[in-house]
Protein backbone atom coordinates (compact mmCIF):
# COMPACT_ATOMS: atom_id res chain seq x y z
CA MET A 1 0.00 0.00 0.00
CA ALA A 2 2.87 2.41 0.78
CA TYR A 3 4.36 1.76 -2.67
CA SER A 4 0.97 2.30 -4.38
CA LEU A 5 0.36 5.56 -2.52
CA GLY A 6 3.84 6.77 -3.46
CA ARG A 7 3.40 5.79 -7.11
CA THR A 8 0.08 7.62 -7.32
CA ASP A 9 1.52 10.71 -5.65
CA GLY A 10 4.54 10.62 -7.97
CA GLY A 11 2.28 10.48 -11.02
CA LEU A 12 0.35 13.48 -9.79
CA ALA A 13 3.54 15.37 -8.88
CA ALA A 14 4.87 14.97 -12.42
CA ARG A 15 2.27 17.49 -13.54
CA ILE A 16 3.48 20.21 -11.16
CA GLU A 17 7.13 19.43 -10.34
CA PRO A 18 9.91 20.95 -12.46
CA ALA A 19 11.39 18.59 -15.06
CA GLY A 20 14.62 18.00 -13.09
CA SER A 21 15.19 16.05 -9.92
CA VAL A 22 12.71 16.54 -7.09
CA GLY A 23 15.58 16.73 -4.62
CA PRO A 24 16.57 14.52 -1.72
CA GLN A 25 14.05 11.99 -0.49
CA SER A 26 12.23 12.87 2.68
CA THR A 27 11.01 10.48 5.34
CA CYS A 28 7.68 12.33 5.18
CA CYS A 29 4.93 10.39 3.35
CA GLN A 30 1.76 12.18 2.30
CA GLY A 31 2.59 14.89 4.82
CA ARG A 32 2.97 12.37 7.64
CA GLU A 33 5.99 11.37 9.67
CA PRO A 34 6.93 7.64 9.57
CA ALA A 35 5.08 6.70 12.78
CA GLU A 36 1.89 8.44 11.67
CA PHE A 37 2.17 6.98 8.14
CA SER A 38 2.61 3.46 9.52
CA ARG A 39 -0.55 3.92 11.65
CA LEU A 40 -2.42 4.97 8.48
CA LEU A 41 -1.22 1.84 6.69
CA TRP A 42 -1.94 -0.37 9.70
CA GLY A 43 -5.55 0.79 9.57
CA ASP A 44 -8.08 -0.73 11.96
CA ARG A 45 -5.90 -3.65 13.01
CA ARG A 46 -5.48 -4.14 16.72
CA GLY A 47 -2.28 -3.05 18.42
CA ALA A 48 0.53 -0.83 17.26
CA PRO A 49 2.04 -1.20 13.79
CA PRO A 50 5.19 -3.34 13.75
CA SER A 51 8.46 -1.42 13.90
CA GLY A 52 9.42 -2.79 10.47
CA LEU A 53 6.44 -1.05 8.94
CA ARG A 54 7.48 2.27 10.50
CA LEU A 55 11.03 1.82 9.23
CA ASN A 56 10.27 0.47 5.75
CA ALA A 57 7.06 2.24 4.71
CA PRO A 58 8.87 5.53 3.90
CA LEU A 59 11.30 3.60 1.68
CA TRP A 60 8.47 1.82 -0.15
CA TYR A 61 6.63 5.11 -0.54
CA ALA A 62 9.74 6.87 -1.90
CA HIS A 63 10.39 4.03 -4.35
CA GLY A 64 6.80 4.19 -5.61
CA PHE A 65 6.94 7.99 -5.83
CA ALA A 66 10.11 7.91 -7.94
CA GLU A 67 8.65 5.26 -10.27
CA GLY A 68 5.32 7.08 -10.62
CA LEU A 69 7.09 10.35 -11.36
CA ALA A 70 9.35 8.76 -13.98
CA ALA A 71 6.50 6.83 -15.61
CA GLU A 72 4.33 9.93 -15.93
CA ARG A 73 7.21 11.95 -17.37
CA ARG A 74 7.84 9.25 -20.01
CA ARG A 75 4.20 9.28 -21.11
CA PRO A 76 3.78 10.95 -24.52
CA VAL A 77 1.97 14.27 -24.46
CA PRO A 78 -1.17 14.09 -26.62
CA ALA A 79 -1.76 16.73 -29.27
CA GLU A 80 -3.77 19.58 -27.87
CA VAL A 81 -6.83 21.09 -29.42
CA GLY A 82 -6.53 24.86 -29.80
CA ARG A 83 -9.26 27.36 -28.97
CA ALA A 84 -10.36 27.53 -32.60
CA GLY A 85 -10.84 23.74 -32.58
CA GLY A 86 -7.79 22.91 -34.73
CA LEU A 87 -4.97 20.63 -33.77
CA GLN A 88 -1.80 22.10 -32.37
CA GLY A 89 1.72 20.66 -32.26
CA PRO A 90 3.07 17.67 -34.23
CA ALA A 91 -0.41 16.27 -34.95
CA ALA A 92 -1.34 19.44 -36.86
CA SER A 93 1.08 18.58 -39.68
CA LEU A 94 -0.40 15.10 -40.30
């Protein structure tokens, strides 16, 4: 789940982040510190999340984020339709 959340967030971030590197990885996941993020992932289960989840969830999230960001940036940009209704960009010359 941590990987999936990171991948989704990375895909969304590709639309607003500059084209270069997003900088050093943070231990913060969806605005939460590792302990809080592990409780989110642990959900309604009884007891505290295992320590391995608190330690590894930020790594899984970061890995998913990086992959989602890269995948979205590799996706071809579709030709856009201009205000007058005509095609713009490479598709206009076809």
